[in-house]
């Protein structure tokens, strides 16, 4: 089960990172932070499903907040 979860996380993280290939460094940073956060969740959870799920939810929330801030910054830069 842990190997499947780890494989899924790595695949999902790779997909997210490839989807974050943007000319904006802030958006790229958000994707990198998400990947690192998910890796930390896997290491900290030691295969405990609930612990890992809660950790990953927090990662997603941080990522969404980071992305929102990056998009606001991009819009402000484009308005100038």
Protein backbone atom coordinates (compact mmCIF):
# COMPACT_ATOMS: atom_id res chain seq x y z
CA UNK A 1 0.00 0.00 0.00
CA UNK A 2 2.79 2.43 0.90
CA UNK A 3 4.53 1.81 -2.45
CA UNK A 4 1.30 2.53 -4.29
CA UNK A 5 0.76 5.73 -2.30
CA UNK A 6 4.35 6.86 -2.85
CA UNK A 7 4.10 6.11 -6.56
CA UNK A 8 0.84 8.01 -6.80
CA UNK A 9 2.28 11.01 -4.97
CA UNK A 10 5.38 11.09 -7.15
CA UNK A 11 3.29 10.81 -10.32
CA UNK A 12 0.84 13.47 -9.14
CA UNK A 13 3.64 15.78 -8.07
CA UNK A 14 5.38 15.37 -11.40
CA UNK A 15 2.15 16.17 -13.18
CA UNK A 16 1.63 19.25 -11.02
CA UNK A 17 5.18 20.42 -11.59
CA UNK A 18 4.93 19.92 -15.33
CA UNK A 19 1.67 21.84 -15.29
CA UNK A 20 3.40 24.67 -13.47
CA UNK A 21 5.88 25.36 -16.25
CA UNK A 22 5.26 29.04 -16.44
CA UNK A 23 7.31 32.06 -17.28
CA UNK A 24 6.45 33.35 -13.82
CA UNK A 25 8.88 32.26 -11.13
CA UNK A 26 6.30 32.66 -8.36
CA UNK A 27 3.96 30.11 -9.92
CA UNK A 28 6.88 27.72 -10.40
CA UNK A 29 7.89 28.21 -6.76
CA UNK A 30 4.36 27.26 -5.66
CA UNK A 31 4.60 23.99 -7.60
CA UNK A 32 8.01 23.21 -6.13
CA UNK A 33 6.76 23.90 -2.60
CA UNK A 34 3.79 21.58 -3.17
CA UNK A 35 6.10 18.80 -4.33
CA UNK A 36 8.37 19.24 -1.29
CA UNK A 37 5.41 19.40 1.08
CA UNK A 38 3.97 16.16 -0.31
CA UNK A 39 7.35 14.47 0.00
CA UNK A 40 7.54 15.58 3.64
CA UNK A 41 4.04 14.21 4.25
CA UNK A 42 5.10 10.82 2.95
CA UNK A 43 8.18 10.78 5.18
CA UNK A 44 6.33 11.97 8.30
CA UNK A 45 3.24 9.78 7.96
CA UNK A 46 5.08 6.45 7.94
CA UNK A 47 2.22 4.88 6.01
CA UNK A 48 -0.54 6.10 8.33
CA UNK A 49 -3.39 6.95 5.98
CA UNK A 50 -5.18 9.55 8.10
CA UNK A 51 -1.98 11.36 9.08
CA UNK A 52 -0.89 11.47 5.45
CA UNK A 53 -4.31 12.64 4.24
CA UNK A 54 -4.41 15.52 6.72
CA UNK A 55 -0.87 16.51 5.81
CA UNK A 56 -1.64 16.44 2.08
CA UNK A 57 -4.77 18.54 2.60
CA UNK A 58 -2.63 21.16 4.34
CA UNK A 59 -0.18 21.04 1.42
CA UNK A 60 -3.00 21.59 -1.05
CA UNK A 61 -4.39 24.50 0.97
CA UNK A 62 -0.94 26.13 1.11
CA UNK A 63 -0.48 25.54 -2.61
CA UNK A 64 -3.82 27.11 -3.47
CA UNK A 65 -3.01 30.14 -1.33
CA UNK A 66 0.44 30.44 -2.91
CA UNK A 67 -1.04 30.20 -6.41
CA UNK A 68 -3.66 32.82 -5.62
CA UNK A 69 -0.96 35.22 -4.40
CA UNK A 70 1.16 34.51 -7.48
CA UNK A 71 -1.78 35.14 -9.80
CA UNK A 72 -2.54 38.42 -8.00
CA UNK A 73 1.09 39.44 -8.45
CA UNK A 74 0.99 38.53 -12.15
CA UNK A 75 -2.17 40.59 -12.66
CA UNK A 76 -0.62 43.57 -10.84
CA UNK A 77 2.50 43.34 -13.01
CA UNK A 78 0.42 43.14 -16.19
CA UNK A 79 -1.63 46.18 -15.17
CA UNK A 80 1.48 48.36 -14.99
